[in-house]
């Protein structure tokens, strides 16, 4: 097998593994939901922190196989995060606004990836890929804290709705 064929095979194995861990992460989100109860925000928080920490460790790797393993863990974390994140949005967005809001969410996500990739690619040229991945992982961990705020806002919103329903029941 020549070098080109070996590289193509390695690329296929790495990407195939990425899809496989994506499936596993999605299935793991079901198990995580059972462990945590119904808190989608906490599922998002934990899976995003896991993903960020995996990127931080990946950033320091110089061994190919260990790097591939952490690359797959990042994919696992992303896929574990996606289902509860989308369920959280679906649960909280009114049905008549859901389509538009989910489209906006998708657009903003893609724009973030595009802008982030360009900016981080520029920084990687100046500094190093490891530093850029470290910044990326750190930002993921820090931004995950927003899910705690989301959880408290949702609890307050649900309590307000219950209070309104009680008042309407007396009328």
Foldseek 3Di string as FASTA:
>chain_A
DDPVVVVVVVVVVLVVLLVVLLVVLLVVLVVVCVVVPPQLLVQLLVLLLQLLVLLLVLLPDPDDVVNSVSVSSNSSSVSNNPVSVVVVLVVPDDPVCSVVVVVVVVVVVVVCVVVLCVVLVVVCVVPNNSVSSNVVSVVSNVVSVVSVVVVVVVVVVVVVVVVVVVVVVVD
